[in-house]
Amino acid sequence: MISRLRAFLQVPTAIEWALLAAGLFLTLRYAWLLDDAFVYFRYADNFHFLKLGLVYNQGEFVEGFSSPLWMLLTLVLRGLGFDYWLMTRLIGLLSFAAFWALAIAVHRQMTPAGRQEANLPLAFLALNYAVLSYFTSGLEAPLIQLTALCFVAAVLWPRSRVWQFALALSPLIRPEHLLPLAVFVAWRLSRTRRPPVFLVLSTLLLNGAWLLFRIYYYAAFFPNTFYLKNQDNWRQGWVYLWQVMTTDWLLPIGAVAVGLAFLSWRRLAPAGLCWGERGVLALMALLPSIYVLKIGGDFMHYRYLAFPFVIFFFVGCGLFERVLVMRWPDASPWIGRSAMLAFGLFSLLCYPRQLEKHPLLGPSNLDEKAVRADYIYDANSHRRHEDLSFSPWSLEPMLDLRPRYEHYLSQHDPFSYEEVTNEGWCVEIYKRFDARFVHRWGLTSPVIAHMKLPWRRPGHPKGGYERAREIAFMREHYPDGPTPGMFRWAIDVGKSRLRWVHENQEALALIERRMYNRHSLRENFKLAMMKIPRLDPGDLPSTEP
């Protein structure tokens, strides 16, 4: 065991140590919180401090988060007393440090001995604005980027149970990680004629356990966000991909990598370059990218392409060094070091066109509405927002509502909400823990998530505000609290003459049965098996706030 660990851990070069220091500094400098993170924060605080269970609203059992593992990690750290701003930065720094160490180990494995001074993938990724921004954000992005490297390590060390276990966990980070996981299993099956038993069993056990919990607690096979984002929006998806590619010059970088591969192929046997493994990595990056294209990408630059982006740079890892060995075997090590420094500096200077200037040069785009390009925002739109502009260097607790929880509970026993309303800004919803909210973007509202609504921007349906206002009005007047039957009641007593309520009665009744289920595994399995059709939203307003 010790010998394996020594073989894995490699002595970093001086430049790699410098990249660690710079990357840690920039991770803090770029630290931020995405508004959607407050969905997780409300779930965690409802669970720990208000004793409402793992719910967004009291009595409503809806899985309004996309990453179960991130939710569990948030629950653990919040239970240990961490405030969310400290938690976000701490996980970001630890994730980057682990990413750095793993990137070095992978590079050494893919590079000829004696010419390992040019760790180009690490130089690019450790200084890149988008990559470092998503080691924070309050969401699962740091785990996604670290998991991408775990997939690379699993291909290089396929028998290691450490990496197989990491791959088994990956669908709990993002469900679309099942696609590269299936590629890995198929590749190992083709190589050994036997399935990777430990990986398969671990995947079934870990993900099956959460699936059983989801059925028991939420009466569904998929999270609510799946239904919200499962749409065909290929055109916007290509726009999203193109923006990421042009920001970081991926086409010319890819062309250079292809040229290096061609030079290597003609001089060395394919087996010596692990062409099969590189092809597997390329396929692992491709399949999640296709899913991102299908759903139209995301409203935040880079975020949904973090996984394939990281793997992309390791598909060609070591090719530059191999060409040096072949063409200039006596070349000075400074050639590789100079290339590494130049590549890192180039990456440092890249930033998305949403920004007027590089974030390191000072405040940019103070007007939030000016940071959108092709319906896509950048992290700076939240970093500079008055509700989210926290100092990255402060150790003071931010947004810690525990004293308010204690005071409220002392006056409301049992717990009850003071009003029912709708909102789309998750920070505001988190602060107003004493109100029941219908989320106007549908993240935690299954009714809106199942509607056939055109998109306002990716992940944000047009017409959600109006539908959320109408649902909140009915919920406020419904006398039986969080129980099924609200829409039927609204029709019977004349509280709703809305066409979409009348025409979708059966589907709405099924949604209510899931939301207010009785936690019977057998009954909930039957509910989960019943398909909910896309709801006709009725007439949509021409404009909305």
Protein backbone atom coordinates (compact mmCIF):
# COMPACT_ATOMS: atom_id res chain seq x y z
CA MET A 1 0.00 0.00 0.00
CA ILE A 2 2.80 2.41 0.92
CA SER A 3 4.70 1.61 -2.27
CA ARG A 4 1.59 2.29 -4.37
CA LEU A 5 1.09 5.61 -2.60
CA ARG A 6 4.70 6.60 -3.22
CA ALA A 7 4.35 5.66 -6.88
CA PHE A 8 1.24 7.82 -7.16
CA LEU A 9 2.56 10.88 -5.33
CA GLN A 10 5.04 12.76 -7.50
CA VAL A 11 7.49 15.49 -6.51
CA PRO A 12 6.19 18.76 -8.00
CA THR A 13 8.45 21.08 -9.93
CA ALA A 14 9.06 24.67 -8.85
CA ILE A 15 6.57 25.91 -11.46
CA GLU A 16 3.93 23.46 -10.23
CA TRP A 17 4.43 24.68 -6.65
CA ALA A 18 3.99 28.24 -7.94
CA LEU A 19 0.77 27.19 -9.70
CA LEU A 20 -0.55 25.78 -6.43
CA ALA A 21 0.08 29.07 -4.64
CA ALA A 22 -1.36 31.15 -7.50
CA GLY A 23 -4.37 28.88 -7.89
CA LEU A 24 -5.23 29.00 -4.20
CA PHE A 25 -4.93 32.79 -4.19
CA LEU A 26 -7.07 33.19 -7.30
CA THR A 27 -9.66 30.71 -6.03
CA LEU A 28 -10.17 33.00 -3.05
CA ARG A 29 -9.96 36.14 -5.19
CA TYR A 30 -12.69 34.85 -7.52
CA ALA A 31 -14.82 33.34 -4.71
CA TRP A 32 -18.56 33.92 -5.03
CA LEU A 33 -22.00 32.47 -4.35
CA LEU A 34 -24.47 31.63 -7.08
CA ASP A 35 -28.05 32.50 -6.20
CA ASP A 36 -29.16 28.89 -6.80
CA ALA A 37 -26.92 27.76 -3.93
CA PHE A 38 -29.46 29.20 -1.53
CA VAL A 39 -31.86 26.45 -2.55
CA TYR A 40 -29.48 23.99 -0.86
CA PHE A 41 -29.05 26.36 2.08
CA ARG A 42 -32.79 26.57 2.72
CA TYR A 43 -33.13 22.78 2.56
CA ALA A 44 -30.24 22.35 5.02
CA ASP A 45 -31.50 24.94 7.50
CA ASN A 46 -35.05 23.61 7.33
CA PHE A 47 -33.62 20.21 8.19
CA HIS A 48 -31.24 21.22 10.99
CA PHE A 49 -32.74 24.24 12.69
CA LEU A 50 -36.45 24.38 11.85
CA LYS A 51 -36.88 20.57 12.06
CA LEU A 52 -39.07 20.46 8.95
CA GLY A 53 -37.26 17.63 7.18
CA LEU A 54 -35.38 17.78 3.88
CA VAL A 55 -37.91 20.12 2.27
CA TYR A 56 -38.03 23.59 0.77
CA ASN A 57 -41.45 24.36 2.22
CA GLN A 58 -43.01 22.71 5.23
CA GLY A 59 -45.01 19.65 4.22
CA GLU A 60 -44.05 19.79 0.51
CA PHE A 61 -41.87 16.84 -0.45
CA VAL A 62 -40.09 18.02 -3.60
CA GLU A 63 -36.46 17.30 -4.47
CA GLY A 64 -35.58 20.75 -5.77
CA PHE A 65 -31.81 20.19 -5.93
CA SER A 66 -29.76 18.49 -8.67
CA SER A 67 -26.84 17.09 -6.67
CA PRO A 68 -27.67 14.68 -3.83
CA LEU A 69 -24.01 14.35 -2.79
CA TRP A 70 -23.62 18.12 -2.56
CA MET A 71 -26.81 18.27 -0.51
CA LEU A 72 -25.48 15.62 1.88
CA LEU A 73 -22.12 17.38 2.18
CA THR A 74 -23.91 20.66 2.89
CA LEU A 75 -25.99 18.97 5.57
CA VAL A 76 -22.92 17.51 7.28
CA LEU A 77 -20.88 20.73 7.30
CA ARG A 78 -23.85 22.86 8.31
CA GLY A 79 -24.55 20.43 11.14
CA LEU A 80 -20.94 20.93 12.28
CA GLY A 81 -21.58 24.66 12.61
CA PHE A 82 -20.03 26.07 9.42
CA ASP A 83 -21.59 29.16 7.90
CA TYR A 84 -22.14 28.92 4.16
CA TRP A 85 -19.60 31.50 3.03
CA LEU A 86 -16.79 29.87 5.00
CA MET A 87 -17.94 26.43 3.85
CA THR A 88 -17.89 27.47 0.19
CA ARG A 89 -14.37 28.88 0.34
CA LEU A 90 -12.98 26.02 2.40
CA ILE A 91 -14.32 23.37 0.01
CA GLY A 92 -13.04 25.43 -2.92
CA LEU A 93 -9.49 25.59 -1.54
CA LEU A 94 -9.39 21.91 -0.58
CA SER A 95 -10.85 20.86 -3.93
CA PHE A 96 -8.32 22.91 -5.86
CA ALA A 97 -5.43 21.49 -3.83
CA ALA A 98 -6.65 17.93 -4.50
CA PHE A 99 -7.18 18.83 -8.18
CA TRP A 100 -3.61 20.15 -8.39
CA ALA A 101 -2.09 17.02 -6.82
CA LEU A 102 -4.12 14.69 -9.03
CA ALA A 103 -3.27 16.69 -12.17
CA ILE A 104 0.43 16.20 -11.41
CA ALA A 105 0.04 12.45 -10.89
CA VAL A 106 -1.94 12.08 -14.12
CA HIS A 107 0.57 14.15 -16.08
CA ARG A 108 3.49 12.03 -14.88
CA GLN A 109 1.71 8.84 -15.93
CA MET A 110 1.00 10.17 -19.44
CA THR A 111 4.43 11.72 -20.06
CA PRO A 112 7.77 10.11 -21.03
CA ALA A 113 10.23 9.76 -18.17
CA GLY A 114 12.84 12.48 -18.11
CA ARG A 115 10.70 15.07 -19.98
CA GLN A 116 8.08 15.96 -17.39
CA GLU A 117 8.83 19.64 -16.98
CA ALA A 118 5.92 20.90 -19.14
CA ASN A 119 2.66 20.19 -17.34
CA LEU A 120 0.57 22.12 -19.86
CA PRO A 121 -2.91 20.99 -18.69
CA LEU A 122 -2.19 22.07 -15.13
CA ALA A 123 -0.71 25.38 -16.32
CA PHE A 124 -3.91 26.19 -18.20
CA LEU A 125 -6.46 24.96 -15.68
CA ALA A 126 -4.75 26.28 -12.54
CA LEU A 127 -4.83 29.88 -13.77
CA ASN A 128 -8.05 29.95 -15.79
CA TYR A 129 -10.70 32.41 -14.62
CA ALA A 130 -13.73 30.20 -15.36
CA VAL A 131 -12.20 27.05 -13.88
CA LEU A 132 -11.12 28.78 -10.67
CA SER A 133 -14.44 30.59 -10.32
CA TYR A 134 -16.20 27.23 -10.18
CA PHE A 135 -14.14 25.90 -7.34
CA THR A 136 -16.54 28.07 -5.34
CA SER A 137 -20.14 29.23 -6.18
CA GLY A 138 -21.79 27.33 -3.29
CA LEU A 139 -22.84 24.54 -5.65
CA GLU A 140 -21.38 21.18 -6.67
CA ALA A 141 -19.00 22.60 -9.31
CA PRO A 142 -15.77 21.93 -7.33
CA LEU A 143 -16.77 18.28 -7.00
CA ILE A 144 -17.53 18.14 -10.74
CA GLN A 145 -14.10 19.44 -11.74
CA LEU A 146 -12.36 17.14 -9.28
CA THR A 147 -14.46 14.19 -10.48
CA ALA A 148 -13.41 14.88 -14.07
CA LEU A 149 -9.82 14.20 -13.06
CA CYS A 150 -10.94 11.10 -11.15
CA PHE A 151 -12.30 9.73 -14.45
CA VAL A 152 -8.91 10.38 -16.06
CA ALA A 153 -7.15 8.64 -13.16
CA ALA A 154 -9.55 5.68 -13.40
CA VAL A 155 -8.63 5.22 -17.07
CA LEU A 156 -4.92 5.32 -16.21
CA TRP A 157 -5.23 3.10 -13.12
CA PRO A 158 -8.36 1.06 -13.97
CA ARG A 159 -7.85 -1.54 -11.24
CA SER A 160 -7.68 0.99 -8.42
CA ARG A 161 -10.71 0.75 -6.17
CA VAL A 162 -10.17 4.33 -5.04
CA TRP A 163 -10.97 5.68 -8.49
CA GLN A 164 -13.71 3.14 -9.07
CA PHE A 165 -15.38 4.29 -5.87
CA ALA A 166 -15.04 7.91 -6.98
CA LEU A 167 -16.72 7.01 -10.28
CA ALA A 168 -19.51 5.20 -8.42
CA LEU A 169 -20.20 8.40 -6.48
CA SER A 170 -20.19 10.61 -9.58
CA PRO A 171 -23.90 10.20 -10.56
CA LEU A 172 -24.78 11.53 -7.10
CA ILE A 173 -22.87 14.69 -7.99
CA ARG A 174 -24.58 15.14 -11.35
CA PRO A 175 -26.92 12.55 -12.90
CA GLU A 176 -25.43 13.01 -16.39
CA HIS A 177 -22.19 11.47 -15.07
CA LEU A 178 -23.89 8.15 -15.72
CA LEU A 179 -22.91 8.65 -19.38
CA PRO A 180 -19.10 8.68 -18.91
CA LEU A 181 -19.49 6.02 -16.22
CA ALA A 182 -21.17 3.74 -18.77
CA VAL A 183 -18.30 4.43 -21.19
CA PHE A 184 -15.77 3.34 -18.57
CA VAL A 185 -17.67 0.14 -17.77
CA ALA A 186 -18.02 -0.74 -21.47
CA TRP A 187 -14.31 -0.06 -22.06
CA ARG A 188 -13.23 -2.28 -19.18
CA LEU A 189 -15.62 -5.01 -20.33
CA SER A 190 -14.10 -4.90 -23.82
CA ARG A 191 -10.57 -5.05 -22.41
CA THR A 192 -10.93 -7.77 -19.77
CA ARG A 193 -14.09 -9.58 -20.92
CA ARG A 194 -15.32 -9.14 -17.36
CA PRO A 195 -17.30 -6.26 -15.85
CA PRO A 196 -15.61 -4.19 -13.12
CA VAL A 197 -17.52 -5.87 -10.31
CA PHE A 198 -16.48 -3.50 -7.52
CA LEU A 199 -17.46 -0.45 -9.57
CA VAL A 200 -20.80 -1.89 -10.65
CA LEU A 201 -21.74 -3.03 -7.15
CA SER A 202 -20.64 0.28 -5.60
CA THR A 203 -22.64 2.23 -8.19
CA LEU A 204 -25.76 0.16 -7.61
CA LEU A 205 -25.43 0.35 -3.83
CA LEU A 206 -24.73 4.09 -3.54
CA ASN A 207 -27.09 5.33 -6.22
CA GLY A 208 -29.71 2.69 -5.46
CA ALA A 209 -29.78 3.80 -1.83
CA TRP A 210 -30.51 7.38 -2.85
CA LEU A 211 -33.07 6.25 -5.41
CA LEU A 212 -34.91 4.32 -2.70
CA PHE A 213 -34.81 7.36 -0.47
CA ARG A 214 -36.07 9.55 -3.32
CA ILE A 215 -39.00 7.22 -3.96
CA TYR A 216 -39.80 6.90 -0.25
CA TYR A 217 -39.50 10.61 0.52
CA TYR A 218 -40.30 12.40 -2.76
CA ALA A 219 -42.33 9.77 -4.68
CA ALA A 220 -40.30 10.29 -7.86
CA PHE A 221 -37.54 8.65 -9.90
CA PHE A 222 -35.91 11.95 -10.86
CA PRO A 223 -35.36 15.28 -9.12
CA ASN A 224 -37.69 18.14 -9.90
CA THR A 225 -34.92 20.01 -11.75
CA PHE A 226 -34.71 17.20 -14.30
CA TYR A 227 -38.26 17.87 -15.47
CA LEU A 228 -37.60 21.61 -15.50
CA LYS A 229 -34.50 21.40 -17.70
CA ASN A 230 -35.34 18.36 -19.83
CA GLN A 231 -36.12 20.23 -23.03
CA ASP A 232 -34.81 20.29 -26.58
CA ASN A 233 -32.97 23.56 -27.14
CA TRP A 234 -30.12 22.58 -29.43
CA ARG A 235 -29.67 26.02 -30.96
CA GLN A 236 -29.01 27.71 -27.64
CA GLY A 237 -26.86 24.75 -26.64
CA TRP A 238 -24.56 25.35 -29.60
CA VAL A 239 -24.40 29.04 -28.68
CA TYR A 240 -23.42 28.04 -25.14
CA LEU A 241 -20.71 25.66 -26.37
CA TRP A 242 -19.37 28.17 -28.87
CA GLN A 243 -19.07 30.86 -26.21
CA VAL A 244 -16.97 28.59 -23.98
CA MET A 245 -14.82 27.45 -26.92
CA THR A 246 -14.09 30.96 -28.15
CA THR A 247 -13.42 32.37 -24.69
CA ASP A 248 -10.62 29.89 -24.05
CA TRP A 249 -9.49 29.35 -27.66
CA LEU A 250 -10.30 25.65 -27.60
CA LEU A 251 -10.33 25.24 -31.39
CA PRO A 252 -6.72 26.33 -31.96
CA ILE A 253 -5.60 24.47 -28.83
CA GLY A 254 -7.34 21.34 -30.12
CA ALA A 255 -5.79 21.80 -33.56
CA VAL A 256 -2.30 21.98 -32.04
CA ALA A 257 -3.02 18.83 -29.99
CA VAL A 258 -4.14 16.99 -33.16
CA GLY A 259 -0.94 18.06 -34.89
CA LEU A 260 1.17 16.78 -32.01
CA ALA A 261 -0.74 13.51 -32.04
CA PHE A 262 -0.11 13.15 -35.79
CA LEU A 263 3.62 13.67 -35.31
CA SER A 264 3.66 11.15 -32.48
CA TRP A 265 1.62 8.59 -34.38
CA ARG A 266 4.02 8.49 -37.31
CA ARG A 267 7.08 7.91 -35.16
CA LEU A 268 5.90 5.76 -32.26
CA ALA A 269 3.70 2.69 -31.98
CA PRO A 270 0.10 3.57 -31.02
CA ALA A 271 0.28 1.30 -27.99
CA GLY A 272 3.13 3.39 -26.62
CA LEU A 273 0.88 6.46 -26.54
CA CYS A 274 -2.22 4.81 -25.04
CA TRP A 275 -4.39 5.87 -27.98
CA GLY A 276 -7.24 3.68 -26.75
CA GLU A 277 -7.25 5.38 -23.37
CA ARG A 278 -7.19 8.82 -24.98
CA GLY A 279 -10.13 7.83 -27.15
CA VAL A 280 -12.06 6.70 -24.08
CA LEU A 281 -11.36 10.05 -22.41
CA ALA A 282 -12.54 11.91 -25.51
CA LEU A 283 -15.79 9.92 -25.51
CA MET A 284 -16.24 10.63 -21.80
CA ALA A 285 -16.02 14.35 -22.56
CA LEU A 286 -18.26 14.13 -25.63
CA LEU A 287 -21.35 12.42 -24.20
CA PRO A 288 -22.06 14.89 -21.34
CA SER A 289 -21.45 17.70 -23.84
CA ILE A 290 -24.21 16.34 -26.07
CA TYR A 291 -26.60 16.37 -23.12
CA VAL A 292 -25.65 19.99 -22.38
CA LEU A 293 -26.29 20.88 -26.02
CA LYS A 294 -29.71 19.21 -25.88
CA ILE A 295 -30.98 21.19 -22.88
CA GLY A 296 -29.65 24.51 -24.17
CA GLY A 297 -26.67 24.83 -21.86
CA ASP A 298 -27.01 26.98 -18.79
CA PHE A 299 -27.65 30.60 -17.89
CA MET A 300 -24.13 30.78 -16.39
CA HIS A 301 -21.01 30.73 -18.57
CA TYR A 302 -18.94 27.51 -18.45
CA ARG A 303 -20.74 25.85 -15.50
CA TYR A 304 -22.43 22.95 -17.33
CA LEU A 305 -19.32 22.25 -19.43
CA ALA A 306 -16.88 22.08 -16.51
CA PHE A 307 -16.63 18.27 -16.65
CA PRO A 308 -15.82 17.89 -20.38
CA PHE A 309 -13.68 21.05 -20.30
CA VAL A 310 -11.28 19.54 -17.74
CA ILE A 311 -11.09 16.17 -19.48
CA PHE A 312 -10.46 17.89 -22.84
CA PHE A 313 -7.07 19.15 -21.65
CA PHE A 314 -5.94 15.71 -20.53
CA VAL A 315 -6.82 13.92 -23.75
CA GLY A 316 -3.67 15.44 -25.24
CA CYS A 317 -1.62 15.39 -22.04
CA GLY A 318 2.01 14.41 -22.67
CA LEU A 319 1.94 14.78 -26.47
CA PHE A 320 4.13 17.90 -26.41
CA GLU A 321 6.76 16.14 -24.32
CA ARG A 322 6.72 13.08 -26.59
CA VAL A 323 7.36 15.24 -29.65
CA LEU A 324 10.30 16.82 -27.82
CA VAL A 325 11.69 13.36 -27.10
CA MET A 326 11.33 12.34 -30.74
CA ARG A 327 12.47 15.50 -32.54
CA TRP A 328 14.84 17.16 -30.09
CA PRO A 329 15.96 14.55 -27.55
CA ASP A 330 18.78 16.82 -26.31
CA ALA A 331 16.63 19.96 -26.05
CA SER A 332 17.01 22.03 -22.92
CA PRO A 333 14.38 21.47 -20.20
CA TRP A 334 13.77 25.21 -20.39
CA ILE A 335 11.86 24.69 -23.64
CA GLY A 336 9.20 22.76 -21.76
CA ARG A 337 9.25 25.14 -18.82
CA SER A 338 8.94 28.16 -21.10
CA ALA A 339 6.01 26.55 -22.93
CA MET A 340 4.35 25.85 -19.59
CA LEU A 341 4.78 29.44 -18.39
CA ALA A 342 3.52 30.85 -21.70
CA PHE A 343 0.47 28.56 -21.72
CA GLY A 344 -0.35 29.46 -18.12
CA LEU A 345 -0.03 33.20 -18.81
CA PHE A 346 -2.26 32.84 -21.87
CA SER A 347 -4.90 31.09 -19.76
CA LEU A 348 -4.67 33.73 -17.05
CA LEU A 349 -5.54 36.42 -19.59
CA CYS A 350 -8.68 34.65 -20.88
CA TYR A 351 -12.04 35.94 -19.67
CA PRO A 352 -15.58 35.80 -21.10
CA ARG A 353 -16.97 38.59 -23.24
CA GLN A 354 -19.63 39.28 -20.63
CA LEU A 355 -16.94 41.26 -18.79
CA GLU A 356 -15.61 44.65 -19.83
CA LYS A 357 -12.17 43.82 -18.41
CA HIS A 358 -10.40 41.07 -16.52
CA PRO A 359 -11.63 40.72 -12.91
CA LEU A 360 -8.03 41.06 -11.66
CA LEU A 361 -7.98 44.62 -13.00
CA GLY A 362 -10.74 45.79 -10.69
CA PRO A 363 -14.55 46.05 -10.59
CA SER A 364 -16.23 45.35 -13.91
CA ASN A 365 -19.82 45.55 -15.16
CA LEU A 366 -21.41 47.01 -12.05
CA ASP A 367 -24.77 47.01 -13.83
CA GLU A 368 -26.05 43.42 -13.59
CA LYS A 369 -28.08 43.75 -16.79
CA ALA A 370 -24.92 44.58 -18.75
CA VAL A 371 -23.18 41.25 -18.08
CA ARG A 372 -25.38 39.06 -20.29
CA ALA A 373 -24.28 37.76 -23.69
CA ASP A 374 -26.54 35.43 -25.71
CA TYR A 375 -28.78 35.00 -22.62
CA ILE A 376 -25.75 33.78 -20.65
CA TYR A 377 -24.36 35.46 -17.54
CA ASP A 378 -20.96 35.28 -15.90
CA ALA A 379 -20.04 34.69 -12.26
CA ASN A 380 -19.34 38.42 -11.93
CA SER A 381 -23.07 39.19 -12.21
CA HIS A 382 -23.56 37.50 -8.83
CA ARG A 383 -20.16 38.38 -7.37
CA ARG A 384 -20.94 42.08 -7.73
CA HIS A 385 -24.61 41.86 -6.72
CA GLU A 386 -25.43 43.86 -3.60
CA ASP A 387 -26.94 40.77 -1.93
CA LEU A 388 -23.91 38.59 -2.69
CA SER A 389 -20.87 40.88 -2.60
CA PHE A 390 -19.11 39.20 0.33
CA SER A 391 -15.42 39.80 0.96
CA PRO A 392 -13.39 36.70 0.05
CA TRP A 393 -10.89 37.51 2.80
CA SER A 394 -13.33 37.91 5.71
CA LEU A 395 -13.80 35.21 8.36
CA GLU A 396 -16.98 36.78 9.70
CA PRO A 397 -20.12 34.59 9.41
CA MET A 398 -22.33 35.56 6.46
CA LEU A 399 -26.05 34.94 6.21
CA ASP A 400 -26.17 32.91 9.42
CA LEU A 401 -29.82 33.00 10.47
CA ARG A 402 -29.61 30.74 13.51
CA PRO A 403 -30.41 33.50 16.06
CA ARG A 404 -33.47 34.45 14.00
CA TYR A 405 -34.56 30.81 13.82
CA GLU A 406 -34.39 30.47 17.60
CA HIS A 407 -36.37 33.65 18.15
CA TYR A 408 -39.03 32.68 15.62
CA LEU A 409 -39.46 29.19 17.03
CA SER A 410 -39.89 30.62 20.52
CA GLN A 411 -42.94 32.55 19.25
CA HIS A 412 -44.33 29.96 16.81
CA ASP A 413 -44.84 26.59 18.42
CA PRO A 414 -45.63 24.60 16.35
CA PHE A 415 -43.87 26.12 13.36
CA SER A 416 -46.11 27.91 10.88
CA TYR A 417 -45.67 30.32 7.98
CA GLU A 418 -46.85 33.91 8.14
CA GLU A 419 -47.63 34.23 4.43
CA VAL A 420 -47.62 32.49 1.07
CA THR A 421 -45.94 34.28 -1.82
CA ASN A 422 -43.78 33.77 -4.90
CA GLU A 423 -40.22 34.75 -5.70
CA GLY A 424 -37.36 33.83 -8.02
CA TRP A 425 -34.37 35.34 -6.22
CA CYS A 426 -33.20 32.48 -3.99
CA VAL A 427 -31.28 34.74 -1.60
CA GLU A 428 -34.48 36.55 -0.71
CA ILE A 429 -36.32 33.26 -0.24
CA TYR A 430 -33.57 32.01 2.08
CA LYS A 431 -33.77 35.13 4.23
CA ARG A 432 -37.55 34.91 4.49
CA PHE A 433 -37.69 31.48 6.10
CA ASP A 434 -41.01 32.42 7.73
CA ALA A 435 -42.91 32.35 4.41
CA ARG A 436 -44.01 29.59 2.05
CA PHE A 437 -42.70 30.25 -1.44
CA VAL A 438 -43.72 29.15 -4.90
CA HIS A 439 -40.47 29.39 -6.86
CA ARG A 440 -41.25 31.30 -10.03
CA TRP A 441 -38.44 29.59 -12.00
CA GLY A 442 -39.78 26.17 -11.05
CA LEU A 443 -36.69 24.85 -9.22
CA THR A 444 -38.79 23.68 -6.29
CA SER A 445 -42.24 23.91 -7.89
CA PRO A 446 -43.23 20.69 -9.69
CA VAL A 447 -46.24 22.37 -11.31
CA ILE A 448 -44.08 24.93 -13.11
CA ALA A 449 -41.36 22.32 -13.78
CA HIS A 450 -43.87 20.17 -15.68
CA MET A 451 -45.30 23.02 -17.78
CA LYS A 452 -44.62 23.49 -21.47
CA LEU A 453 -43.15 26.94 -21.00
CA PRO A 454 -40.83 28.64 -23.49
CA TRP A 455 -37.50 29.62 -22.03
CA ARG A 456 -36.71 33.16 -21.00
CA ARG A 457 -33.08 32.09 -20.65
CA PRO A 458 -31.75 28.56 -20.05
CA GLY A 459 -33.20 27.18 -16.83
CA HIS A 460 -35.60 30.11 -16.49
CA PRO A 461 -39.02 29.57 -18.12
CA LYS A 462 -40.98 32.47 -19.53
CA GLY A 463 -44.34 32.80 -17.82
CA GLY A 464 -43.10 31.29 -14.57
CA TYR A 465 -43.75 34.50 -12.67
CA GLU A 466 -47.41 34.63 -13.65
CA ARG A 467 -48.04 30.93 -12.95
CA ALA A 468 -46.22 31.14 -9.59
CA ARG A 469 -48.35 34.14 -8.58
CA GLU A 470 -51.53 32.24 -9.41
CA ILE A 471 -50.42 29.10 -7.52
CA ALA A 472 -49.45 31.20 -4.49
CA PHE A 473 -52.88 32.87 -4.52
CA MET A 474 -54.65 29.50 -4.48
CA ARG A 475 -52.29 28.11 -1.83
CA GLU A 476 -52.87 31.13 0.40
CA HIS A 477 -56.64 30.65 0.38
CA TYR A 478 -56.74 26.85 0.48
CA PRO A 479 -58.08 25.99 3.95
CA ASP A 480 -56.54 22.50 4.31
CA GLY A 481 -52.85 23.46 4.33
CA PRO A 482 -50.24 21.33 2.54
CA THR A 483 -52.54 18.51 1.41
CA PRO A 484 -53.79 17.28 -1.99
CA GLY A 485 -56.92 18.76 -3.51
CA MET A 486 -56.04 22.44 -3.76
CA PHE A 487 -56.63 22.78 -7.51
CA ARG A 488 -59.90 20.85 -7.38
CA TRP A 489 -61.02 23.04 -4.47
CA ALA A 490 -60.06 26.22 -6.36
CA ILE A 491 -62.30 25.19 -9.25
CA ASP A 492 -65.21 24.18 -7.03
CA VAL A 493 -65.30 27.39 -4.97
CA GLY A 494 -64.55 29.71 -7.87
CA LYS A 495 -61.09 30.74 -6.74
CA SER A 496 -59.71 29.82 -10.13
CA ARG A 497 -61.19 30.29 -13.56
CA LEU A 498 -57.80 29.77 -15.15
CA ARG A 499 -57.88 27.63 -18.27
CA TRP A 500 -54.64 25.81 -17.42
CA VAL A 501 -56.05 24.66 -14.07
CA HIS A 502 -59.27 23.33 -15.62
CA GLU A 503 -57.53 21.57 -18.51
CA ASN A 504 -54.81 19.86 -16.45
CA GLN A 505 -56.83 18.55 -13.51
CA GLU A 506 -55.63 14.92 -13.66
CA ALA A 507 -51.96 15.83 -14.00
CA LEU A 508 -52.22 18.43 -11.23
CA ALA A 509 -53.87 15.88 -8.95
CA LEU A 510 -50.97 13.44 -9.55
CA ILE A 511 -48.41 16.18 -8.84
CA GLU A 512 -50.19 16.94 -5.57
CA ARG A 513 -50.23 13.28 -4.56
CA ARG A 514 -46.47 13.18 -5.04
CA MET A 515 -45.86 16.46 -3.23
CA TYR A 516 -47.94 15.48 -0.22
CA ASN A 517 -47.21 11.77 -0.20
CA ARG A 518 -47.50 9.62 2.95
CA HIS A 519 -43.98 8.09 2.74
CA SER A 520 -45.18 4.62 1.90
CA LEU A 521 -42.53 2.99 -0.28
CA ARG A 522 -45.03 0.77 -2.06
CA GLU A 523 -47.53 3.56 -2.68
CA ASN A 524 -44.83 6.02 -3.70
CA PHE A 525 -43.34 3.56 -6.17
CA LYS A 526 -46.72 3.40 -7.89
CA LEU A 527 -46.89 7.19 -7.91
CA ALA A 528 -43.40 7.44 -9.38
CA MET A 529 -44.37 5.00 -12.14
CA MET A 530 -47.25 7.24 -13.24
CA LYS A 531 -46.08 9.58 -15.99
CA ILE A 532 -47.01 13.23 -15.62
CA PRO A 533 -47.63 14.81 -19.02
CA ARG A 534 -46.37 18.27 -19.85
CA LEU A 535 -48.96 20.77 -18.68
CA ASP A 536 -50.53 23.27 -21.03
CA PRO A 537 -49.73 26.60 -19.34
CA GLY A 538 -52.56 28.49 -20.98
CA ASP A 539 -52.17 32.04 -22.22
CA LEU A 540 -48.84 33.60 -21.28
CA PRO A 541 -48.34 37.30 -20.62
CA SER A 542 -46.40 39.23 -23.25
CA THR A 543 -44.18 40.76 -20.55
CA GLU A 544 -43.39 39.97 -16.94
CA PRO A 545 -41.08 41.37 -14.25
